[in-house]
Amino acid sequence: MLKKNLILLIFFLGSTLYAIIPEIENIDIYSDKVGSFLDFDLDYYQRKASLEYRIGNYEDAAKIFLFCARHNIYDIVSIYNLSCCYGLLGKDTLAARFLERAVRAGFNDLELINQDPDFDLVKESEVFNLSLNRVNYMIKRDRDLEGNILFIDAVKIFKCRIQLPQNYSESKEYTLMIGLHGFSSNADDFIKLWDNFNNPNFIYVALTAPYQFLSRDILCYSWNLMITDNHPLIDVSTEFSENYIIDAIENIKRNFNISKVCLFGFSQGGFLAYSTAIKNPDLIDGIICVGATLDSGWIGEEYLKGGNSVKIFISHGTEDRSVSIEEAIKSKEILEHYGYEVDFFEYSGGHRIQTQEGFDKMVDWIRNTI
C-alpha cells in the first residue's frame, strides 16, 4: 500500500510541475532549430555583458546576464552581477531579489556583498536591507556549520599531453616547448594547437593547471586560486604552480634528450610563463606569451634583474578587451628596461590564440632565437 501511494504521489508531483511550466507544451521536438540553445557560446555573452557593465550600459548588461543565467541557472556570477546592475540602476527590489538568488545558488563572498559600491544607490532601502540581513545570516550560518578551513599541499599526479616532431629520434637533441593554457582551459585543448605549427622541430608538451573548479557544470582549471579572492592563498597557489612547472620540465628532461626549454603561455598561462621563466633563467631559455601581461610586482625586481638572459616573444591582439594591447606594450617596455631581448608581434583580433602568421613567427623565433 505504501509503495502504491508513493507512486501516486510522484505522479501527482510530476503532473503539477508539468502544469506550472506551460511552455513545455509548445516545444516542437522535430523543429530544425530544436536544441539551438546548446550552440550558444556563453563565454562570449559573459564577456559581452562584462564589457557593457564596465562602460556603464547597465540595462544592456542586465539583459545579457539574464540570458546567461537563463541558460545556466547555476551561473552564480551572472546572477550576482544582475543584482549589481539593478543596484546601479537604483532598482532596490530587483537588486534584493537577485542578491538572494545568487546566495541561494552558491555565491558566498560576504565581504564583497557588504562592501560592493554597486549597491550604494539602494543600500538605504528597507527592502534591500532586509535581503542583505537575510544573506548575511545565511552565509554566516553556513560558515559556522562548515567549520574552519585548513589548506595542505601534497603530491598529486597530473596528466600532460605530448607531441613529438616528425622523424623524431631518441639520439637527437630537441627544444622543449611547455604549453600553459589560459584560465578555465586544459591540456587536452591546448595540445590541439600543435596542428598550427608548421613543421616544428621541437617537442610540445601541454600541462593542465592544478586547481579545479566548475563553471556551468564543466570541469575547468586555473593556475592559481584566484576564484577565492583570498590574496595570501592566491600567492601561495601561484608559487606552487611555478614549482609544478619546474618539476614537469625536470621530469621531461629525464625522459627526453632536451637541449633548450621554452614556455608558451596564453592569458593566465602567459602570466605563469613570465614569472616561472624569469625566476629560473638557468633552466628556461625563452618565453612566448600571447594575450598576457607581466606582473612585475609579483616577480620582484631582484628576479627581473637576474633573469634577463631569458629571450621573450610577445604576441597580442589589437582588439583584446581582456588584456589590452597597451598592457602588453607596457610589459615589453618594463622588460627592455631590465635588459631583456624582446620580440613583439601584434595581430588583428581579440583575446584568443593568434593568427597563422603568428604561429609561423613563433616557429621561426624558436629556430632562430632559442
Protein backbone atom coordinates (compact mmCIF):
# COMPACT_ATOMS: atom_id res chain seq x y z
CA MET A 1 0.00 0.00 0.00
CA LEU A 2 2.83 2.39 0.88
CA LYS A 3 4.55 1.72 -2.45
CA LYS A 4 1.33 2.41 -4.37
CA ASN A 5 0.77 5.70 -2.51
CA LEU A 6 4.37 6.72 -3.21
CA ILE A 7 3.90 6.10 -6.93
CA LEU A 8 0.69 8.16 -6.92
CA LEU A 9 2.47 10.99 -5.08
CA ILE A 10 5.32 11.02 -7.57
CA PHE A 11 2.81 11.04 -10.44
CA PHE A 12 0.92 13.93 -8.82
CA LEU A 13 4.06 15.99 -8.23
CA GLY A 14 5.25 15.33 -11.76
CA SER A 15 1.90 16.46 -13.17
CA THR A 16 1.96 19.57 -11.01
CA LEU A 17 5.46 20.52 -12.14
CA TYR A 18 4.47 19.99 -15.74
CA ALA A 19 1.38 22.15 -15.29
CA ILE A 20 3.29 25.14 -13.95
CA ILE A 21 5.65 25.21 -16.95
CA PRO A 22 3.18 25.68 -19.83
CA GLU A 23 5.86 26.45 -22.44
CA ILE A 24 6.81 22.77 -22.36
CA GLU A 25 3.66 22.04 -24.34
CA ASN A 26 4.83 24.38 -27.11
CA ILE A 27 8.19 22.68 -27.68
CA ASP A 28 8.44 21.26 -31.20
CA ILE A 29 10.85 18.35 -30.80
CA TYR A 30 11.08 17.94 -34.59
CA SER A 31 11.90 21.55 -35.46
CA ASP A 32 15.07 22.23 -37.46
CA LYS A 33 16.08 24.67 -34.71
CA VAL A 34 15.38 22.33 -31.82
CA GLY A 35 18.22 22.40 -29.28
CA SER A 36 19.80 25.52 -30.80
CA PHE A 37 20.30 26.89 -27.28
CA LEU A 38 23.07 24.31 -26.90
CA ASP A 39 25.07 26.09 -29.60
CA PHE A 40 25.35 29.41 -27.75
CA ASP A 41 28.87 30.41 -26.72
CA LEU A 42 28.05 31.56 -23.19
CA ASP A 43 31.64 32.65 -22.59
CA TYR A 44 31.21 35.19 -25.39
CA TYR A 45 27.99 36.53 -23.88
CA GLN A 46 29.51 36.74 -20.40
CA ARG A 47 32.41 38.78 -21.81
CA LYS A 48 29.94 40.95 -23.72
CA ALA A 49 27.88 41.52 -20.56
CA SER A 50 31.00 42.39 -18.58
CA LEU A 51 32.03 44.90 -21.24
CA GLU A 52 28.60 46.59 -21.19
CA TYR A 53 28.82 46.70 -17.40
CA ARG A 54 32.31 48.26 -17.45
CA ILE A 55 31.27 51.07 -19.81
CA GLY A 56 28.13 51.83 -17.79
CA ASN A 57 25.44 50.26 -20.02
CA TYR A 58 23.78 48.56 -17.07
CA GLU A 59 20.44 47.85 -18.77
CA ASP A 60 22.14 46.11 -21.71
CA ALA A 61 24.45 44.26 -19.30
CA ALA A 62 21.44 43.08 -17.28
CA LYS A 63 19.75 41.73 -20.42
CA ILE A 64 22.81 39.67 -21.34
CA PHE A 65 23.40 38.44 -17.77
CA LEU A 66 19.74 37.34 -17.70
CA PHE A 67 20.30 35.48 -20.97
CA CYS A 68 23.36 33.72 -19.46
CA ALA A 69 21.51 32.82 -16.25
CA ARG A 70 18.53 31.50 -18.21
CA HIS A 71 20.85 29.09 -19.99
CA ASN A 72 22.62 28.08 -16.77
CA ILE A 73 20.71 28.57 -13.52
CA TYR A 74 23.90 27.69 -11.59
CA ASP A 75 25.83 30.64 -13.07
CA ILE A 76 26.23 32.42 -9.75
CA VAL A 77 28.46 35.14 -11.20
CA SER A 78 25.84 36.24 -13.73
CA ILE A 79 23.11 36.13 -11.07
CA TYR A 80 25.17 38.25 -8.68
CA ASN A 81 26.08 40.64 -11.49
CA LEU A 82 22.38 41.04 -12.21
CA SER A 83 21.90 42.19 -8.63
CA CYS A 84 24.75 44.67 -9.13
CA CYS A 85 23.22 46.02 -12.36
CA TYR A 86 19.87 46.57 -10.65
CA GLY A 87 21.67 48.22 -7.75
CA LEU A 88 23.42 50.62 -10.11
CA LEU A 89 20.06 51.35 -11.77
CA GLY A 90 18.52 52.12 -8.36
CA LYS A 91 16.07 49.20 -8.54
CA ASP A 92 16.10 48.11 -4.90
CA THR A 93 13.53 45.28 -5.11
CA LEU A 94 15.17 43.62 -8.10
CA ALA A 95 18.65 44.10 -6.63
CA ALA A 96 17.49 42.44 -3.41
CA ARG A 97 15.74 39.59 -5.22
CA PHE A 98 18.75 38.68 -7.36
CA LEU A 99 21.14 39.04 -4.44
CA GLU A 100 19.20 36.38 -2.54
CA ARG A 101 19.02 34.22 -5.65
CA ALA A 102 22.79 34.47 -6.08
CA VAL A 103 23.42 33.42 -2.48
CA ARG A 104 20.95 30.53 -2.72
CA ALA A 105 22.79 29.40 -5.87
CA GLY A 106 26.11 29.37 -4.00
CA PHE A 107 27.58 32.89 -4.05
CA ASN A 108 29.12 33.37 -0.59
CA ASP A 109 31.61 36.25 -0.75
CA LEU A 110 30.16 38.07 2.24
CA GLU A 111 32.89 40.71 2.34
CA LEU A 112 32.24 41.71 -1.28
CA ILE A 113 28.47 41.76 -0.79
CA ASN A 114 28.67 44.11 2.20
CA GLN A 115 31.24 46.46 0.63
CA ASP A 116 30.20 46.42 -3.04
CA PRO A 117 29.76 50.04 -4.24
CA ASP A 118 27.31 48.79 -6.85
CA PHE A 119 24.69 48.80 -4.08
CA ASP A 120 25.31 52.40 -2.94
CA LEU A 121 22.07 53.65 -4.54
CA VAL A 122 19.93 51.01 -2.78
CA LYS A 123 21.75 50.32 0.49
CA GLU A 124 19.44 52.68 2.41
CA SER A 125 16.35 50.95 1.03
CA GLU A 126 14.34 48.94 3.56
CA VAL A 127 13.63 46.12 1.11
CA PHE A 128 17.30 45.81 0.14
CA ASN A 129 18.46 45.92 3.76
CA LEU A 130 16.05 43.12 4.68
CA SER A 131 17.58 40.96 1.94
CA LEU A 132 21.09 41.99 2.95
CA ASN A 133 20.40 40.89 6.52
CA ARG A 134 18.99 37.58 5.29
CA VAL A 135 22.00 36.76 3.09
CA ASN A 136 24.38 37.74 5.91
CA TYR A 137 22.59 35.30 8.17
CA MET A 138 22.53 32.55 5.52
CA ILE A 139 26.25 32.81 4.70
CA LYS A 140 27.39 33.13 8.33
CA ARG A 141 25.23 30.16 9.32
CA ASP A 142 26.75 28.03 6.56
CA ARG A 143 30.27 29.10 7.55
CA ASP A 144 29.63 28.13 11.19
CA LEU A 145 28.37 24.73 10.10
CA GLU A 146 31.36 24.18 7.78
CA GLY A 147 33.96 24.87 10.45
CA ASN A 148 37.39 26.37 9.79
CA ILE A 149 39.48 25.88 6.65
CA LEU A 150 42.91 24.29 6.62
CA PHE A 151 44.95 24.14 3.39
CA ILE A 152 47.52 21.37 2.91
CA ASP A 153 49.87 20.95 -0.03
CA ALA A 154 50.50 17.38 -1.15
CA VAL A 155 51.90 15.41 -4.07
CA LYS A 156 49.47 14.82 -6.93
CA ILE A 157 49.79 13.09 -10.30
CA PHE A 158 48.94 15.30 -13.29
CA LYS A 159 48.21 14.31 -16.86
CA CYS A 160 50.02 16.16 -19.64
CA ARG A 161 49.79 15.84 -23.42
CA ILE A 162 52.85 15.48 -25.66
CA GLN A 163 53.53 15.79 -29.39
CA LEU A 164 56.83 14.77 -31.00
CA PRO A 165 58.20 16.23 -34.26
CA GLN A 166 58.17 14.19 -37.45
CA ASN A 167 61.06 11.74 -37.74
CA TYR A 168 61.71 12.03 -34.03
CA SER A 169 64.91 10.30 -32.97
CA GLU A 170 65.98 9.48 -29.42
CA SER A 171 69.59 10.24 -30.37
CA LYS A 172 68.88 13.85 -31.36
CA GLU A 173 68.56 16.88 -29.08
CA TYR A 174 65.34 18.90 -29.18
CA THR A 175 63.96 22.13 -27.85
CA LEU A 176 61.13 21.54 -25.38
CA MET A 177 58.08 23.79 -25.59
CA ILE A 178 55.86 23.71 -22.48
CA GLY A 179 52.30 24.88 -23.21
CA LEU A 180 50.45 26.69 -20.40
CA HIS A 181 46.77 27.13 -21.21
CA GLY A 182 44.56 30.04 -20.20
CA PHE A 183 42.14 30.26 -17.29
CA SER A 184 39.46 27.51 -17.37
CA SER A 185 41.06 25.55 -20.24
CA ASN A 186 43.16 22.34 -20.05
CA ALA A 187 45.95 20.37 -21.69
CA ASP A 188 43.53 18.46 -23.93
CA ASP A 189 42.53 21.73 -25.60
CA PHE A 190 45.98 23.34 -25.64
CA ILE A 191 47.71 20.36 -27.23
CA LYS A 192 45.49 20.82 -30.31
CA LEU A 193 47.48 23.94 -31.22
CA TRP A 194 50.14 21.53 -32.49
CA ASP A 195 48.39 21.48 -35.88
CA ASN A 196 49.08 25.21 -36.26
CA PHE A 197 52.85 24.81 -36.04
CA ASN A 198 54.39 24.45 -39.49
CA ASN A 199 56.89 21.57 -39.48
CA PRO A 200 58.00 22.12 -35.87
CA ASN A 201 61.39 20.83 -34.81
CA PHE A 202 60.58 20.85 -31.11
CA ILE A 203 58.78 18.65 -28.58
CA TYR A 204 55.48 20.16 -27.46
CA VAL A 205 54.07 19.29 -24.03
CA ALA A 206 50.81 20.80 -22.74
CA LEU A 207 50.29 20.85 -18.98
CA THR A 208 46.97 21.05 -17.15
CA ALA A 209 46.73 23.64 -14.37
CA PRO A 210 46.40 22.11 -10.89
CA TYR A 211 43.33 23.87 -9.46
CA GLN A 212 39.91 22.60 -10.48
CA PHE A 213 36.57 24.39 -10.40
CA LEU A 214 33.17 24.01 -12.00
CA SER A 215 31.77 26.51 -14.50
CA ARG A 216 28.33 25.73 -15.94
CA ASP A 217 28.83 22.15 -14.73
CA ILE A 218 32.05 21.87 -16.78
CA LEU A 219 35.30 20.97 -15.03
CA CYS A 220 37.75 23.85 -15.53
CA TYR A 221 41.32 24.55 -14.42
CA SER A 222 43.25 27.52 -13.06
CA TRP A 223 46.93 28.15 -12.37
CA ASN A 224 46.09 29.69 -9.00
CA LEU A 225 43.17 30.05 -6.60
CA MET A 226 42.10 33.44 -7.94
CA ILE A 227 38.45 32.38 -7.66
CA THR A 228 38.72 32.53 -3.84
CA ASP A 229 39.52 36.27 -3.53
CA ASN A 230 41.89 35.19 -0.72
CA HIS A 231 45.08 37.05 -1.70
CA PRO A 232 47.58 35.15 0.52
CA LEU A 233 46.13 31.90 -0.79
CA ILE A 234 46.34 33.15 -4.39
CA ASP A 235 50.03 33.97 -3.86
CA VAL A 236 50.84 30.57 -2.32
CA SER A 237 48.92 28.66 -5.00
CA THR A 238 50.75 30.62 -7.73
CA GLU A 239 54.11 29.66 -6.21
CA PHE A 240 53.02 26.03 -6.15
CA SER A 241 52.17 26.23 -9.87
CA GLU A 242 55.58 27.71 -10.65
CA ASN A 243 57.20 24.78 -8.80
CA TYR A 244 54.91 22.34 -10.62
CA ILE A 245 56.08 23.70 -14.00
CA ILE A 246 59.72 23.34 -12.96
CA ASP A 247 59.11 19.79 -11.74
CA ALA A 248 57.44 18.96 -15.08
CA ILE A 249 60.42 20.28 -17.05
CA GLU A 250 62.88 18.26 -14.97
CA ASN A 251 60.73 15.15 -15.32
CA ILE A 252 60.53 15.51 -19.11
CA LYS A 253 64.28 16.11 -19.37
CA ARG A 254 64.85 12.78 -17.64
CA ASN A 255 62.86 11.06 -20.37
CA PHE A 256 63.84 13.01 -23.49
CA ASN A 257 67.03 14.49 -24.92
CA ILE A 258 66.33 18.19 -24.32
CA SER A 259 68.74 21.00 -25.24
CA LYS A 260 66.62 24.14 -24.72
CA VAL A 261 63.37 24.94 -22.90
CA CYS A 262 60.70 27.45 -23.92
CA LEU A 263 57.44 28.25 -22.11
CA PHE A 264 54.41 29.06 -24.28
CA GLY A 265 51.59 30.65 -22.28
CA PHE A 266 48.24 32.14 -23.17
CA SER A 267 46.45 34.65 -20.91
CA GLN A 268 46.74 33.34 -17.32
CA GLY A 269 49.22 30.77 -18.61
CA GLY A 270 51.28 33.65 -20.03
CA PHE A 271 51.43 35.28 -16.61
CA LEU A 272 52.84 31.99 -15.22
CA ALA A 273 55.28 31.75 -18.14
CA TYR A 274 56.69 35.17 -17.29
CA SER A 275 57.10 34.53 -13.57
CA THR A 276 58.37 30.95 -13.83
CA ALA A 277 60.97 31.66 -16.51
CA ILE A 278 62.30 34.91 -15.08
CA LYS A 279 62.75 33.26 -11.68
CA ASN A 280 64.51 30.25 -13.27
CA PRO A 281 66.76 31.57 -16.07
CA ASP A 282 69.23 28.71 -15.55
CA LEU A 283 66.53 26.22 -16.59
CA ILE A 284 64.36 28.13 -19.08
CA ASP A 285 65.75 29.77 -22.22
CA GLY A 286 62.74 31.54 -23.70
CA ILE A 287 59.12 32.59 -23.26
CA ILE A 288 56.27 33.01 -25.74
CA CYS A 289 53.41 35.00 -24.21
CA VAL A 290 50.09 35.50 -26.01
CA GLY A 291 47.31 37.69 -24.64
CA ALA A 292 49.13 38.07 -21.32
CA THR A 293 50.62 40.74 -19.11
CA LEU A 294 53.72 40.88 -16.96
CA ASP A 295 53.15 41.38 -13.22
CA SER A 296 56.49 42.92 -12.27
CA GLY A 297 55.28 43.42 -8.69
CA TRP A 298 54.66 39.70 -8.29
CA ILE A 299 58.01 38.70 -9.83
CA GLY A 300 60.08 41.29 -7.95
CA GLU A 301 62.97 43.50 -9.07
CA GLU A 302 65.62 41.06 -7.83
CA TYR A 303 64.40 38.36 -10.23
CA LEU A 304 63.79 40.82 -13.08
CA LYS A 305 67.40 41.96 -12.86
CA GLY A 306 68.78 38.44 -12.68
CA GLY A 307 66.64 36.76 -15.33
CA ASN A 308 67.37 38.84 -18.42
CA SER A 309 69.14 36.01 -20.21
CA VAL A 310 65.66 34.66 -21.00
CA LYS A 311 64.57 35.53 -24.55
CA ILE A 312 60.98 36.76 -24.91
CA PHE A 313 58.41 36.74 -27.73
CA ILE A 314 55.19 38.69 -27.06
CA SER A 315 52.15 38.26 -29.31
CA HIS A 316 48.98 40.25 -28.74
CA GLY A 317 45.68 41.08 -30.42
CA THR A 318 44.99 44.75 -31.11
CA GLU A 319 41.30 44.30 -30.10
CA ASP A 320 41.96 42.28 -26.94
CA ARG A 321 39.48 43.50 -24.31
CA SER A 322 40.53 41.10 -21.57
CA VAL A 323 44.19 42.15 -21.60
CA SER A 324 44.64 45.36 -23.58
CA ILE A 325 47.36 45.82 -26.17
CA GLU A 326 48.58 48.73 -24.03
CA GLU A 327 49.28 46.32 -21.16
CA ALA A 328 51.32 44.11 -23.49
CA ILE A 329 53.31 47.12 -24.74
CA LYS A 330 53.91 48.20 -21.14
CA SER A 331 55.19 44.69 -20.34
CA LYS A 332 57.62 44.95 -23.26
CA GLU A 333 58.88 48.31 -22.02
CA ILE A 334 59.43 47.01 -18.48
CA LEU A 335 61.36 44.00 -19.76
CA GLU A 336 63.53 46.08 -22.08
CA HIS A 337 64.26 48.42 -19.17
CA TYR A 338 65.79 45.45 -17.36
CA GLY A 339 67.83 44.42 -20.41
CA TYR A 340 65.68 41.65 -21.92
CA GLU A 341 65.71 40.84 -25.62
CA VAL A 342 62.03 41.14 -26.63
CA ASP A 343 60.35 40.45 -29.97
CA PHE A 344 56.83 41.87 -30.31
CA PHE A 345 54.13 40.80 -32.76
CA GLU A 346 50.67 42.32 -32.83
CA TYR A 347 47.79 40.95 -34.87
CA SER A 348 44.25 41.99 -35.64
CA GLY A 349 41.99 40.16 -33.22
CA GLY A 350 40.78 39.82 -29.67
CA HIS A 351 41.66 37.67 -26.66
CA ARG A 352 42.46 34.45 -28.46
CA ILE A 353 45.38 32.43 -29.73
CA GLN A 354 46.99 34.26 -32.60
CA THR A 355 46.67 34.04 -36.36
CA GLN A 356 48.51 31.52 -38.54
CA GLU A 357 51.04 34.23 -39.30
CA GLY A 358 51.66 34.45 -35.58
CA PHE A 359 52.22 30.70 -35.27
CA ASP A 360 54.69 30.82 -38.16
CA LYS A 361 56.58 33.66 -36.47
CA MET A 362 56.69 31.64 -33.25
CA VAL A 363 58.25 28.65 -35.03
CA ASP A 364 60.82 30.89 -36.76
CA TRP A 365 61.58 32.64 -33.47
CA ILE A 366 62.24 29.31 -31.74
CA ARG A 367 64.50 28.15 -34.58
CA ASN A 368 66.48 31.39 -34.76
CA THR A 369 66.49 32.73 -31.21
CA ILE A 370 66.23 29.94 -28.65
